[in-house]
PDB file of N, CA and C in Angstrom:
ATOM      1  N   MET A   1     -11.814  19.565 -25.283  1.00  0.00           N
ATOM      2  CA  MET A   1     -10.825  20.276 -26.049  1.00  0.00           C
ATOM      3  C   MET A   1      -9.470  19.572 -25.980  1.00  0.00           C
ATOM      4  N   HIS A   2      -9.205  18.881 -24.858  1.00  0.00           N
ATOM      5  CA  HIS A   2      -7.896  18.258 -24.687  1.00  0.00           C
ATOM      6  C   HIS A   2      -7.935  16.738 -24.803  1.00  0.00           C
ATOM      7  N   ASP A   3      -9.073  16.183 -25.165  1.00  0.00           N
ATOM      8  CA  ASP A   3      -9.230  14.744 -25.339  1.00  0.00           C
ATOM      9  C   ASP A   3      -9.040  13.943 -24.061  1.00  0.00           C
ATOM     10  N   HIS A   4      -9.161  14.581 -22.915  1.00  0.00           N
ATOM     11  CA  HIS A   4      -9.070  13.881 -21.645  1.00  0.00           C
ATOM     12  C   HIS A   4     -10.269  14.270 -20.803  1.00  0.00           C
ATOM     13  N   LEU A   5     -10.864  13.277 -20.155  1.00  0.00           N
ATOM     14  CA  LEU A   5     -11.997  13.540 -19.280  1.00  0.00           C
ATOM     15  C   LEU A   5     -11.619  13.109 -17.871  1.00  0.00           C
ATOM     16  N   TYR A   6     -11.411  14.071 -17.014  1.00  0.00           N
ATOM     17  CA  TYR A   6     -11.115  13.798 -15.619  1.00  0.00           C
ATOM     18  C   TYR A   6     -11.445  15.066 -14.847  1.00  0.00           C
ATOM     19  N   GLY A   7     -11.498  14.943 -13.556  1.00  0.00           N
ATOM     20  CA  GLY A   7     -11.832  16.140 -12.798  1.00  0.00           C
ATOM     21  C   GLY A   7     -11.793  15.895 -11.312  1.00  0.00           C
ATOM     22  N   THR A   8     -12.168  16.930 -10.603  1.00  0.00           N
ATOM     23  CA  THR A   8     -12.233  16.913  -9.153  1.00  0.00           C
ATOM     24  C   THR A   8     -13.702  16.886  -8.774  1.00  0.00           C
ATOM     25  N   LEU A   9     -14.050  16.025  -7.849  1.00  0.00           N
ATOM     26  CA  LEU A   9     -15.438  15.941  -7.428  1.00  0.00           C
ATOM     27  C   LEU A   9     -15.849  17.207  -6.675  1.00  0.00           C
ATOM     28  N   ARG A  10     -17.004  17.716  -7.016  1.00  0.00           N
ATOM     29  CA  ARG A  10     -17.555  18.887  -6.324  1.00  0.00           C
ATOM     30  C   ARG A  10     -17.656  18.619  -4.830  1.00  0.00           C
ATOM     31  N   SER A  11     -18.068  17.411  -4.476  1.00  0.00           N
ATOM     32  CA  SER A  11     -18.224  17.068  -3.059  1.00  0.00           C
ATOM     33  C   SER A  11     -16.886  17.149  -2.320  1.00  0.00           C
ATOM     34  N   ASP A  12     -15.790  16.794  -2.986  1.00  0.00           N
ATOM     35  CA  ASP A  12     -14.469  16.903  -2.362  1.00  0.00           C
ATOM     36  C   ASP A  12     -14.101  18.359  -2.113  1.00  0.00           C
ATOM     37  N   VAL A  13     -14.384  19.212  -3.077  1.00  0.00           N
ATOM     38  CA  VAL A  13     -14.101  20.637  -2.927  1.00  0.00           C
ATOM     39  C   VAL A  13     -14.950  21.210  -1.787  1.00  0.00           C
ATOM     40  N   GLU A  14     -16.230  20.913  -1.796  1.00  0.00           N
ATOM     41  CA  GLU A  14     -17.127  21.433  -0.756  1.00  0.00           C
ATOM     42  C   GLU A  14     -16.715  20.945   0.622  1.00  0.00           C
ATOM     43  N   SER A  15     -16.285  19.699   0.719  1.00  0.00           N
ATOM     44  CA  SER A  15     -15.837  19.140   1.997  1.00  0.00           C
ATOM     45  C   SER A  15     -14.640  19.922   2.540  1.00  0.00           C
ATOM     46  N   GLU A  16     -13.682  20.222   1.679  1.00  0.00           N
ATOM     47  CA  GLU A  16     -12.503  20.974   2.111  1.00  0.00           C
ATOM     48  C   GLU A  16     -12.881  22.401   2.506  1.00  0.00           C
ATOM     49  N   LEU A  17     -13.766  23.022   1.743  1.00  0.00           N
ATOM     50  CA  LEU A  17     -14.194  24.383   2.057  1.00  0.00           C
ATOM     51  C   LEU A  17     -14.931  24.427   3.389  1.00  0.00           C
ATOM     52  N   GLU A  18     -15.754  23.422   3.647  1.00  0.00           N
ATOM     53  CA  GLU A  18     -16.483  23.350   4.922  1.00  0.00           C
ATOM     54  C   GLU A  18     -15.533  23.227   6.102  1.00  0.00           C
ATOM     55  N   LYS A  19     -14.372  22.652   5.881  1.00  0.00           N
ATOM     56  CA  LYS A  19     -13.356  22.527   6.930  1.00  0.00           C
ATOM     57  C   LYS A  19     -12.552  23.811   7.094  1.00  0.00           C
ATOM     58  N   GLY A  20     -12.872  24.813   6.284  1.00  0.00           N
ATOM     59  CA  GLY A  20     -12.160  26.081   6.363  1.00  0.00           C
ATOM     60  C   GLY A  20     -10.851  26.095   5.597  1.00  0.00           C
ATOM     61  N   ARG A  21     -10.652  25.116   4.750  1.00  0.00           N
ATOM     62  CA  ARG A  21      -9.424  25.040   3.969  1.00  0.00           C
ATOM     63  C   ARG A  21      -9.598  25.752   2.629  1.00  0.00           C
ATOM     64  N   HIS A  22      -8.485  26.191   2.090  1.00  0.00           N
ATOM     65  CA  HIS A  22      -8.477  26.783   0.760  1.00  0.00           C
ATOM     66  C   HIS A  22      -8.183  25.670  -0.235  1.00  0.00           C
ATOM     67  N   VAL A  23      -8.798  25.749  -1.392  1.00  0.00           N
ATOM     68  CA  VAL A  23      -8.642  24.719  -2.414  1.00  0.00           C
ATOM     69  C   VAL A  23      -8.048  25.358  -3.664  1.00  0.00           C
ATOM     70  N   VAL A  24      -7.008  24.733  -4.193  1.00  0.00           N
ATOM     71  CA  VAL A  24      -6.397  25.190  -5.437  1.00  0.00           C
ATOM     72  C   VAL A  24      -6.618  24.107  -6.485  1.00  0.00           C
ATOM     73  N   LEU A  25      -7.217  24.497  -7.596  1.00  0.00           N
ATOM     74  CA  LEU A  25      -7.458  23.571  -8.696  1.00  0.00           C
ATOM     75  C   LEU A  25      -6.635  24.006  -9.896  1.00  0.00           C
ATOM     76  N   GLU A  26      -5.964  23.073 -10.507  1.00  0.00           N
ATOM     77  CA  GLU A  26      -5.248  23.348 -11.749  1.00  0.00           C
ATOM     78  C   GLU A  26      -6.109  22.773 -12.870  1.00  0.00           C
ATOM     79  N   ILE A  27      -6.823  23.660 -13.549  1.00  0.00           N
ATOM     80  CA  ILE A  27      -7.808  23.208 -14.538  1.00  0.00           C
ATOM     81  C   ILE A  27      -7.764  24.089 -15.775  1.00  0.00           C
ATOM     82  N   ASP A  28      -8.350  23.567 -16.857  1.00  0.00           N
ATOM     83  CA  ASP A  28      -8.374  24.331 -18.095  1.00  0.00           C
ATOM     84  C   ASP A  28      -9.459  25.409 -18.040  1.00  0.00           C
ATOM     85  N   VAL A  29      -9.532  26.207 -19.074  1.00  0.00           N
ATOM     86  CA  VAL A  29     -10.453  27.339 -19.108  1.00  0.00           C
ATOM     87  C   VAL A  29     -11.898  26.899 -18.926  1.00  0.00           C
ATOM     88  N   GLN A  30     -12.299  25.843 -19.621  1.00  0.00           N
ATOM     89  CA  GLN A  30     -13.692  25.402 -19.518  1.00  0.00           C
ATOM     90  C   GLN A  30     -14.039  25.029 -18.076  1.00  0.00           C
ATOM     91  N   GLY A  31     -13.144  24.298 -17.440  1.00  0.00           N
ATOM     92  CA  GLY A  31     -13.362  23.916 -16.049  1.00  0.00           C
ATOM     93  C   GLY A  31     -13.375  25.115 -15.126  1.00  0.00           C
ATOM     94  N   ALA A  32     -12.466  26.061 -15.356  1.00  0.00           N
ATOM     95  CA  ALA A  32     -12.386  27.254 -14.513  1.00  0.00           C
ATOM     96  C   ALA A  32     -13.671  28.077 -14.604  1.00  0.00           C
ATOM     97  N   LEU A  33     -14.201  28.206 -15.797  1.00  0.00           N
ATOM     98  CA  LEU A  33     -15.431  28.981 -15.960  1.00  0.00           C
ATOM     99  C   LEU A  33     -16.607  28.290 -15.273  1.00  0.00           C
ATOM    100  N   GLN A  34     -16.617  26.969 -15.291  1.00  0.00           N
ATOM    101  CA  GLN A  34     -17.657  26.226 -14.575  1.00  0.00           C
ATOM    102  C   GLN A  34     -17.530  26.426 -13.067  1.00  0.00           C
ATOM    103  N   VAL A  35     -16.305  26.353 -12.580  1.00  0.00           N
ATOM    104  CA  VAL A  35     -16.072  26.546 -11.142  1.00  0.00           C
ATOM    105  C   VAL A  35     -16.520  27.947 -10.734  1.00  0.00           C
ATOM    106  N   LYS A  36     -16.165  28.956 -11.510  1.00  0.00           N
ATOM    107  CA  LYS A  36     -16.535  30.335 -11.178  1.00  0.00           C
ATOM    108  C   LYS A  36     -18.050  30.502 -11.141  1.00  0.00           C
ATOM    109  N   LYS A  37     -18.741  29.803 -12.026  1.00  0.00           N
ATOM    110  CA  LYS A  37     -20.203  29.872 -12.068  1.00  0.00           C
ATOM    111  C   LYS A  37     -20.811  29.270 -10.800  1.00  0.00           C
ATOM    112  N   GLU A  38     -20.228  28.178 -10.336  1.00  0.00           N
ATOM    113  CA  GLU A  38     -20.752  27.469  -9.157  1.00  0.00           C
ATOM    114  C   GLU A  38     -20.244  28.057  -7.837  1.00  0.00           C
ATOM    115  N   PHE A  39     -19.018  28.548  -7.840  1.00  0.00           N
ATOM    116  CA  PHE A  39     -18.397  29.104  -6.639  1.00  0.00           C
ATOM    117  C   PHE A  39     -18.015  30.549  -6.949  1.00  0.00           C
ATOM    118  N   ARG A  40     -18.975  31.452  -6.848  1.00  0.00           N
ATOM    119  CA  ARG A  40     -18.802  32.833  -7.315  1.00  0.00           C
ATOM    120  C   ARG A  40     -17.670  33.585  -6.620  1.00  0.00           C
ATOM    121  N   ASP A  41     -17.339  33.194  -5.396  1.00  0.00           N
ATOM    122  CA  ASP A  41     -16.272  33.903  -4.697  1.00  0.00           C
ATOM    123  C   ASP A  41     -14.898  33.286  -4.946  1.00  0.00           C
ATOM    124  N   SER A  42     -14.829  32.335  -5.869  1.00  0.00           N
ATOM    125  CA  SER A  42     -13.528  31.745  -6.197  1.00  0.00           C
ATOM    126  C   SER A  42     -12.652  32.788  -6.887  1.00  0.00           C
ATOM    127  N   ILE A  43     -11.357  32.593  -6.769  1.00  0.00           N
ATOM    128  CA  ILE A  43     -10.380  33.489  -7.381  1.00  0.00           C
ATOM    129  C   ILE A  43      -9.715  32.719  -8.511  1.00  0.00           C
ATOM    130  N   MET A  44      -9.694  33.314  -9.677  1.00  0.00           N
ATOM    131  CA  MET A  44      -9.128  32.634 -10.834  1.00  0.00           C
ATOM    132  C   MET A  44      -7.820  33.286 -11.241  1.00  0.00           C
ATOM    133  N   VAL A  45      -6.791  32.444 -11.404  1.00  0.00           N
ATOM    134  CA  VAL A  45      -5.469  32.903 -11.812  1.00  0.00           C
ATOM    135  C   VAL A  45      -5.112  32.189 -13.113  1.00  0.00           C
ATOM    136  N   PHE A  46      -4.822  32.948 -14.135  1.00  0.00           N
ATOM    137  CA  PHE A  46      -4.446  32.401 -15.439  1.00  0.00           C
ATOM    138  C   PHE A  46      -2.930  32.474 -15.555  1.00  0.00           C
ATOM    139  N   VAL A  47      -2.290  31.330 -15.681  1.00  0.00           N
ATOM    140  CA  VAL A  47      -0.832  31.285 -15.820  1.00  0.00           C
ATOM    141  C   VAL A  47      -0.516  31.124 -17.304  1.00  0.00           C
ATOM    142  N   VAL A  48       0.251  32.079 -17.838  1.00  0.00           N
ATOM    143  CA  VAL A  48       0.570  32.081 -19.265  1.00  0.00           C
ATOM    144  C   VAL A  48       2.081  32.009 -19.476  1.00  0.00           C
ATOM    145  N   PRO A  49       2.475  31.429 -20.599  1.00  0.00           N
ATOM    146  CA  PRO A  49       3.898  31.482 -20.945  1.00  0.00           C
ATOM    147  C   PRO A  49       4.223  32.900 -21.413  1.00  0.00           C
ATOM    148  N   PRO A  50       5.503  33.244 -21.480  1.00  0.00           N
ATOM    149  CA  PRO A  50       5.859  34.586 -21.952  1.00  0.00           C
ATOM    150  C   PRO A  50       5.327  34.860 -23.359  1.00  0.00           C
ATOM    151  N   ASP A  51       5.307  33.829 -24.209  1.00  0.00           N
ATOM    152  CA  ASP A  51       4.759  33.948 -25.558  1.00  0.00           C
ATOM    153  C   ASP A  51       4.581  32.540 -26.122  1.00  0.00           C
ATOM    154  N   LEU A  52       3.910  32.450 -27.251  1.00  0.00           N
ATOM    155  CA  LEU A  52       3.633  31.139 -27.849  1.00  0.00           C
ATOM    156  C   LEU A  52       4.897  30.429 -28.321  1.00  0.00           C
ATOM    157  N   GLU A  53       5.884  31.208 -28.750  1.00  0.00           N
ATOM    158  CA  GLU A  53       7.143  30.590 -29.190  1.00  0.00           C
ATOM    159  C   GLU A  53       7.823  29.872 -28.029  1.00  0.00           C
ATOM    160  N   GLU A  54       7.800  30.503 -26.853  1.00  0.00           N
ATOM    161  CA  GLU A  54       8.401  29.877 -25.668  1.00  0.00           C
ATOM    162  C   GLU A  54       7.608  28.636 -25.266  1.00  0.00           C
ATOM    163  N   LEU A  55       6.292  28.706 -25.373  1.00  0.00           N
ATOM    164  CA  LEU A  55       5.472  27.535 -25.054  1.00  0.00           C
ATOM    165  C   LEU A  55       5.822  26.378 -25.978  1.00  0.00           C
ATOM    166  N   GLU A  56       5.929  26.670 -27.266  1.00  0.00           N
ATOM    167  CA  GLU A  56       6.288  25.618 -28.229  1.00  0.00           C
ATOM    168  C   GLU A  56       7.658  25.030 -27.887  1.00  0.00           C
ATOM    169  N   LYS A  57       8.588  25.881 -27.552  1.00  0.00           N
ATOM    170  CA  LYS A  57       9.938  25.424 -27.189  1.00  0.00           C
ATOM    171  C   LYS A  57       9.898  24.506 -25.958  1.00  0.00           C
ATOM    172  N   ARG A  58       9.113  24.899 -24.962  1.00  0.00           N
ATOM    173  CA  ARG A  58       9.009  24.101 -23.740  1.00  0.00           C
ATOM    174  C   ARG A  58       8.362  22.749 -24.016  1.00  0.00           C
ATOM    175  N   LEU A  59       7.266  22.771 -24.762  1.00  0.00           N
ATOM    176  CA  LEU A  59       6.568  21.517 -25.057  1.00  0.00           C
ATOM    177  C   LEU A  59       7.408  20.586 -25.920  1.00  0.00           C
ATOM    178  N   SER A  60       8.018  21.125 -26.946  1.00  0.00           N
ATOM    179  CA  SER A  60       8.820  20.273 -27.825  1.00  0.00           C
ATOM    180  C   SER A  60      10.089  19.801 -27.117  1.00  0.00           C
ATOM    181  N   GLY A  61      10.610  20.608 -26.197  1.00  0.00           N
ATOM    182  CA  GLY A  61      11.802  20.238 -25.448  1.00  0.00           C
ATOM    183  C   GLY A  61      11.599  19.046 -24.527  1.00  0.00           C
ATOM    184  N   ARG A  62      10.375  18.805 -24.143  1.00  0.00           N
ATOM    185  CA  ARG A  62      10.072  17.650 -23.296  1.00  0.00           C
ATOM    186  C   ARG A  62      10.255  16.336 -24.051  1.00  0.00           C
ATOM    187  N   GLY A  63      10.007  16.410 -25.350  1.00  0.00           N
ATOM    188  CA  GLY A  63      10.109  15.209 -26.169  1.00  0.00           C
ATOM    189  C   GLY A  63       9.000  14.205 -25.943  1.00  0.00           C
ATOM    190  N   THR A  64       7.894  14.650 -25.342  1.00  0.00           N
ATOM    191  CA  THR A  64       6.784  13.736 -25.047  1.00  0.00           C
ATOM    192  C   THR A  64       5.601  13.906 -25.985  1.00  0.00           C
ATOM    193  N   GLU A  65       5.655  14.912 -26.844  1.00  0.00           N
ATOM    194  CA  GLU A  65       4.517  15.228 -27.711  1.00  0.00           C
ATOM    195  C   GLU A  65       4.814  14.819 -29.157  1.00  0.00           C
ATOM    196  N   LYS A  66       3.858  14.140 -29.753  1.00  0.00           N
ATOM    197  CA  LYS A  66       3.939  13.893 -31.188  1.00  0.00           C
ATOM    198  C   LYS A  66       3.636  15.203 -31.895  1.00  0.00           C
ATOM    199  N   SER A  67       4.064  15.336 -33.122  1.00  0.00           N
ATOM    200  CA  SER A  67       3.918  16.578 -33.873  1.00  0.00           C
ATOM    201  C   SER A  67       2.469  17.059 -33.905  1.00  0.00           C
ATOM    202  N   GLU A  68       1.547  16.175 -34.204  1.00  0.00           N
ATOM    203  CA  GLU A  68       0.137  16.565 -34.297  1.00  0.00           C
ATOM    204  C   GLU A  68      -0.420  16.969 -32.932  1.00  0.00           C
ATOM    205  N   THR A  69      -0.025  16.259 -31.894  1.00  0.00           N
ATOM    206  CA  THR A  69      -0.457  16.598 -30.538  1.00  0.00           C
ATOM    207  C   THR A  69       0.089  17.962 -30.134  1.00  0.00           C
ATOM    208  N   LEU A  70       1.333  18.221 -30.468  1.00  0.00           N
ATOM    209  CA  LEU A  70       1.949  19.503 -30.158  1.00  0.00           C
ATOM    210  C   LEU A  70       1.203  20.642 -30.860  1.00  0.00           C
ATOM    211  N   LYS A  71       0.889  20.454 -32.119  1.00  0.00           N
ATOM    212  CA  LYS A  71       0.152  21.476 -32.862  1.00  0.00           C
ATOM    213  C   LYS A  71      -1.212  21.747 -32.225  1.00  0.00           C
ATOM    214  N   ARG A  72      -1.902  20.671 -31.833  1.00  0.00           N
ATOM    215  CA  ARG A  72      -3.220  20.818 -31.204  1.00  0.00           C
ATOM    216  C   ARG A  72      -3.101  21.557 -29.871  1.00  0.00           C
ATOM    217  N   ARG A  73      -2.099  21.214 -29.077  1.00  0.00           N
ATOM    218  CA  ARG A  73      -1.916  21.882 -27.779  1.00  0.00           C
ATOM    219  C   ARG A  73      -1.614  23.362 -27.961  1.00  0.00           C
ATOM    220  N   LEU A  74      -0.803  23.694 -28.932  1.00  0.00           N
ATOM    221  CA  LEU A  74      -0.491  25.101 -29.198  1.00  0.00           C
ATOM    222  C   LEU A  74      -1.729  25.858 -29.685  1.00  0.00           C
ATOM    223  N   ARG A  75      -2.499  25.219 -30.529  1.00  0.00           N
ATOM    224  CA  ARG A  75      -3.739  25.838 -31.031  1.00  0.00           C
ATOM    225  C   ARG A  75      -4.706  26.073 -29.864  1.00  0.00           C
ATOM    226  N   ASN A  76      -4.852  25.057 -29.000  1.00  0.00           N
ATOM    227  CA  ASN A  76      -5.734  25.178 -27.836  1.00  0.00           C
ATOM    228  C   ASN A  76      -5.248  26.277 -26.891  1.00  0.00           C
ATOM    229  N   ALA A  77      -3.936  26.343 -26.677  1.00  0.00           N
ATOM    230  CA  ALA A  77      -3.378  27.357 -25.783  1.00  0.00           C
ATOM    231  C   ALA A  77      -3.687  28.753 -26.304  1.00  0.00           C
ATOM    232  N   LYS A  78      -3.533  28.939 -27.595  1.00  0.00           N
ATOM    233  CA  LYS A  78      -3.802  30.249 -28.201  1.00  0.00           C
ATOM    234  C   LYS A  78      -5.275  30.634 -27.999  1.00  0.00           C
ATOM    235  N   GLU A  79      -6.174  29.670 -28.203  1.00  0.00           N
ATOM    236  CA  GLU A  79      -7.604  29.931 -27.997  1.00  0.00           C
ATOM    237  C   GLU A  79      -7.898  30.233 -26.533  1.00  0.00           C
ATOM    238  N   GLU A  80      -7.294  29.452 -25.629  1.00  0.00           N
ATOM    239  CA  GLU A  80      -7.563  29.641 -24.209  1.00  0.00           C
ATOM    240  C   GLU A  80      -7.040  30.980 -23.699  1.00  0.00           C
ATOM    241  N   MET A  81      -5.932  31.449 -24.245  1.00  0.00           N
ATOM    242  CA  MET A  81      -5.373  32.725 -23.799  1.00  0.00           C
ATOM    243  C   MET A  81      -6.339  33.878 -24.049  1.00  0.00           C
ATOM    244  N   MET A  82      -7.246  33.711 -24.986  1.00  0.00           N
ATOM    245  CA  MET A  82      -8.230  34.752 -25.264  1.00  0.00           C
ATOM    246  C   MET A  82      -9.188  34.932 -24.084  1.00  0.00           C
ATOM    247  N   PHE A  83      -9.245  33.950 -23.174  1.00  0.00           N
ATOM    248  CA  PHE A  83     -10.126  34.016 -22.017  1.00  0.00           C
ATOM    249  C   PHE A  83      -9.441  34.605 -20.787  1.00  0.00           C
ATOM    250  N   SER A  84      -8.175  34.972 -20.903  1.00  0.00           N
ATOM    251  CA  SER A  84      -7.439  35.448 -19.732  1.00  0.00           C
ATOM    252  C   SER A  84      -8.099  36.672 -19.091  1.00  0.00           C
ATOM    253  N   GLY A  85      -8.805  37.468 -19.873  1.00  0.00           N
ATOM    254  CA  GLY A  85      -9.500  38.635 -19.327  1.00  0.00           C
ATOM    255  C   GLY A  85     -10.648  38.286 -18.404  1.00  0.00           C
ATOM    256  N   SER A  86     -11.096  37.040 -18.421  1.00  0.00           N
ATOM    257  CA  SER A  86     -12.170  36.590 -17.536  1.00  0.00           C
ATOM    258  C   SER A  86     -11.641  36.211 -16.156  1.00  0.00           C
ATOM    259  N   TYR A  87     -10.327  36.199 -16.012  1.00  0.00           N
ATOM    260  CA  TYR A  87      -9.695  35.779 -14.765  1.00  0.00           C
ATOM    261  C   TYR A  87      -9.405  36.987 -13.880  1.00  0.00           C
ATOM    262  N   ASP A  88      -9.242  36.726 -12.586  1.00  0.00           N
ATOM    263  CA  ASP A  88      -8.938  37.788 -11.635  1.00  0.00           C
ATOM    264  C   ASP A  88      -7.480  38.241 -11.747  1.00  0.00           C
ATOM    265  N   TYR A  89      -6.608  37.309 -12.070  1.00  0.00           N
ATOM    266  CA  TYR A  89      -5.174  37.593 -12.176  1.00  0.00           C
ATOM    267  C   TYR A  89      -4.595  36.851 -13.377  1.00  0.00           C
ATOM    268  N   VAL A  90      -3.545  37.427 -13.944  1.00  0.00           N
ATOM    269  CA  VAL A  90      -2.767  36.754 -14.982  1.00  0.00           C
ATOM    270  C   VAL A  90      -1.311  36.783 -14.517  1.00  0.00           C
ATOM    271  N   VAL A  91      -0.697  35.602 -14.472  1.00  0.00           N
ATOM    272  CA  VAL A  91       0.701  35.479 -14.059  1.00  0.00           C
ATOM    273  C   VAL A  91       1.489  34.960 -15.249  1.00  0.00           C
ATOM    274  N   VAL A  92       2.542  35.671 -15.608  1.00  0.00           N
ATOM    275  CA  VAL A  92       3.397  35.242 -16.708  1.00  0.00           C
ATOM    276  C   VAL A  92       4.464  34.311 -16.145  1.00  0.00           C
ATOM    277  N   ASN A  93       4.493  33.097 -16.672  1.00  0.00           N
ATOM    278  CA  ASN A  93       5.455  32.092 -16.226  1.00  0.00           C
ATOM    279  C   ASN A  93       6.730  32.215 -17.054  1.00  0.00           C
ATOM    280  N   ASP A  94       7.468  33.286 -16.782  1.00  0.00           N
ATOM    281  CA  ASP A  94       8.720  33.504 -17.508  1.00  0.00           C
ATOM    282  C   ASP A  94       9.904  32.942 -16.725  1.00  0.00           C
ATOM    283  N   LYS A  95       9.981  33.287 -15.473  1.00  0.00           N
ATOM    284  CA  LYS A  95      11.015  32.755 -14.580  1.00  0.00           C
ATOM    285  C   LYS A  95      10.294  32.109 -13.410  1.00  0.00           C
ATOM    286  N   ILE A  96      10.592  30.851 -13.156  1.00  0.00           N
ATOM    287  CA  ILE A  96       9.826  30.073 -12.181  1.00  0.00           C
ATOM    288  C   ILE A  96       9.799  30.726 -10.804  1.00  0.00           C
ATOM    289  N   ASP A  97      10.936  31.235 -10.328  1.00  0.00           N
ATOM    290  CA  ASP A  97      10.965  31.847  -8.993  1.00  0.00           C
ATOM    291  C   ASP A  97      10.093  33.092  -8.928  1.00  0.00           C
ATOM    292  N   ARG A  98      10.146  33.910  -9.969  1.00  0.00           N
ATOM    293  CA  ARG A  98       9.331  35.122  -9.993  1.00  0.00           C
ATOM    294  C   ARG A  98       7.844  34.786 -10.063  1.00  0.00           C
ATOM    295  N   ALA A  99       7.485  33.858 -10.951  1.00  0.00           N
ATOM    296  CA  ALA A  99       6.076  33.481 -11.119  1.00  0.00           C
ATOM    297  C   ALA A  99       5.543  32.834  -9.844  1.00  0.00           C
ATOM    298  N   ALA A 100       6.336  31.959  -9.224  1.00  0.00           N
ATOM    299  CA  ALA A 100       5.913  31.311  -7.977  1.00  0.00           C
ATOM    300  C   ALA A 100       5.740  32.351  -6.874  1.00  0.00           C
ATOM    301  N   GLY A 101       6.635  33.318  -6.826  1.00  0.00           N
ATOM    302  CA  GLY A 101       6.513  34.390  -5.837  1.00  0.00           C
ATOM    303  C   GLY A 101       5.248  35.208  -6.045  1.00  0.00           C
ATOM    304  N   GLU A 102       4.934  35.483  -7.306  1.00  0.00           N
ATOM    305  CA  GLU A 102       3.715  36.239  -7.609  1.00  0.00           C
ATOM    306  C   GLU A 102       2.474  35.448  -7.203  1.00  0.00           C
ATOM    307  N   LEU A 103       2.469  34.164  -7.498  1.00  0.00           N
ATOM    308  CA  LEU A 103       1.341  33.322  -7.083  1.00  0.00           C
ATOM    309  C   LEU A 103       1.205  33.306  -5.562  1.00  0.00           C
ATOM    310  N   THR A 104       2.318  33.176  -4.871  1.00  0.00           N
ATOM    311  CA  THR A 104       2.298  33.178  -3.405  1.00  0.00           C
ATOM    312  C   THR A 104       1.700  34.475  -2.879  1.00  0.00           C
ATOM    313  N   GLU A 105       2.099  35.601  -3.447  1.00  0.00           N
ATOM    314  CA  GLU A 105       1.574  36.898  -3.017  1.00  0.00           C
ATOM    315  C   GLU A 105       0.074  37.017  -3.301  1.00  0.00           C
ATOM    316  N   ILE A 106      -0.359  36.495  -4.431  1.00  0.00           N
ATOM    317  CA  ILE A 106      -1.796  36.507  -4.749  1.00  0.00           C
ATOM    318  C   ILE A 106      -2.550  35.697  -3.709  1.00  0.00           C
ATOM    319  N   PHE A 107      -2.061  34.491  -3.415  1.00  0.00           N
ATOM    320  CA  PHE A 107      -2.733  33.637  -2.431  1.00  0.00           C
ATOM    321  C   PHE A 107      -2.794  34.330  -1.069  1.00  0.00           C
ATOM    322  N   LYS A 108      -1.672  34.886  -0.627  1.00  0.00           N
ATOM    323  CA  LYS A 108      -1.641  35.556   0.676  1.00  0.00           C
ATOM    324  C   LYS A 108      -2.616  36.730   0.716  1.00  0.00           C
ATOM    325  N   SER A 109      -2.619  37.530  -0.341  1.00  0.00           N
ATOM    326  CA  SER A 109      -3.500  38.688  -0.408  1.00  0.00           C
ATOM    327  C   SER A 109      -4.968  38.273  -0.366  1.00  0.00           C
ATOM    328  N   GLU A 110      -5.312  37.261  -1.130  1.00  0.00           N
ATOM    329  CA  GLU A 110      -6.705  36.818  -1.179  1.00  0.00           C
ATOM    330  C   GLU A 110      -7.137  36.182   0.150  1.00  0.00           C
ATOM    331  N   ILE A 111      -6.227  35.480   0.805  1.00  0.00           N
ATOM    332  CA  ILE A 111      -6.544  34.895   2.112  1.00  0.00           C
ATOM    333  C   ILE A 111      -6.783  36.014   3.125  1.00  0.00           C
ATOM    334  N   ARG A 112      -5.950  37.051   3.101  1.00  0.00           N
ATOM    335  CA  ARG A 112      -6.144  38.184   4.015  1.00  0.00           C
ATOM    336  C   ARG A 112      -7.490  38.860   3.741  1.00  0.00           C
ATOM    337  N   LYS A 113      -7.833  39.051   2.472  1.00  0.00           N
ATOM    338  CA  LYS A 113      -9.131  39.662   2.131  1.00  0.00           C
ATOM    339  C   LYS A 113     -10.270  38.818   2.663  1.00  0.00           C
ATOM    340  N   SER A 114     -10.162  37.514   2.474  1.00  0.00           N
ATOM    341  CA  SER A 114     -11.192  36.586   2.928  1.00  0.00           C
ATOM    342  C   SER A 114     -11.352  36.651   4.439  1.00  0.00           C
ATOM    343  N   GLU A 115     -10.227  36.683   5.148  1.00  0.00           N
ATOM    344  CA  GLU A 115     -10.278  36.733   6.613  1.00  0.00           C
ATOM    345  C   GLU A 115     -10.870  38.052   7.097  1.00  0.00           C
ATOM    346  N   ARG A 116     -10.517  39.168   6.437  1.00  0.00           N
ATOM    347  CA  ARG A 116     -11.094  40.468   6.808  1.00  0.00           C
ATOM    348  C   ARG A 116     -12.595  40.461   6.569  1.00  0.00           C
ATOM    349  N   SER A 117     -13.022  39.845   5.488  1.00  0.00           N
ATOM    350  CA  SER A 117     -14.439  39.789   5.165  1.00  0.00           C
ATOM    351  C   SER A 117     -15.197  38.992   6.224  1.00  0.00           C
ATOM    352  N   LYS A 118     -14.621  37.881   6.661  1.00  0.00           N
ATOM    353  CA  LYS A 118     -15.259  37.070   7.706  1.00  0.00           C
ATOM    354  C   LYS A 118     -15.351  37.862   9.006  1.00  0.00           C
ATOM    355  N   ASP A 119     -14.276  38.574   9.362  1.00  0.00           N
ATOM    356  CA  ASP A 119     -14.277  39.389  10.575  1.00  0.00           C
ATOM    357  C   ASP A 119     -15.335  40.469  10.490  1.00  0.00           C
ATOM    358  N   HIS A 120     -15.462  41.077   9.312  1.00  0.00           N
ATOM    359  CA  HIS A 120     -16.441  42.139   9.109  1.00  0.00           C
ATOM    360  C   HIS A 120     -17.877  41.598   9.227  1.00  0.00           C
ATOM    361  N   ASP A 121     -18.096  40.375   8.750  1.00  0.00           N
ATOM    362  CA  ASP A 121     -19.420  39.766   8.819  1.00  0.00           C
ATOM    363  C   ASP A 121     -19.860  39.536  10.266  1.00  0.00           C
ATOM    364  N   LEU A 122     -18.884  39.377  11.159  1.00  0.00           N
ATOM    365  CA  LEU A 122     -19.207  39.117  12.563  1.00  0.00           C
ATOM    366  C   LEU A 122     -19.623  40.371  13.304  1.00  0.00           C
ATOM    367  N   LEU A 123     -19.321  41.549  12.773  1.00  0.00           N
ATOM    368  CA  LEU A 123     -19.643  42.803  13.478  1.00  0.00           C
ATOM    369  C   LEU A 123     -21.091  43.139  13.448  1.00  0.00           C
TER     370      LEU A 123
END
């Protein structure tokens, strides 16, 4: 969908998980759905702009996108946003400090849940 083929090796993710580390992947919808299928206990967070107009403003403000590329990215973003309901959380990236704080709280909460679950499994 984005004309780029790259990714994270499954073996790298599994290696980190085996070490007891948490792994954060920044990936598109297609990749996220694949990860969820393979790692059912993964937590998915969809980060969205406040609206499409703001996204267009941000992308065009960078000055790195050609007109056709910008149109394609906006079209793809609109399509991908339709999948936000498949995610565990949706974070609106309106103000960076607020959005980062929300992400931090999600991570902390999920880590606590995970640790409680491990403790419960030992009983």
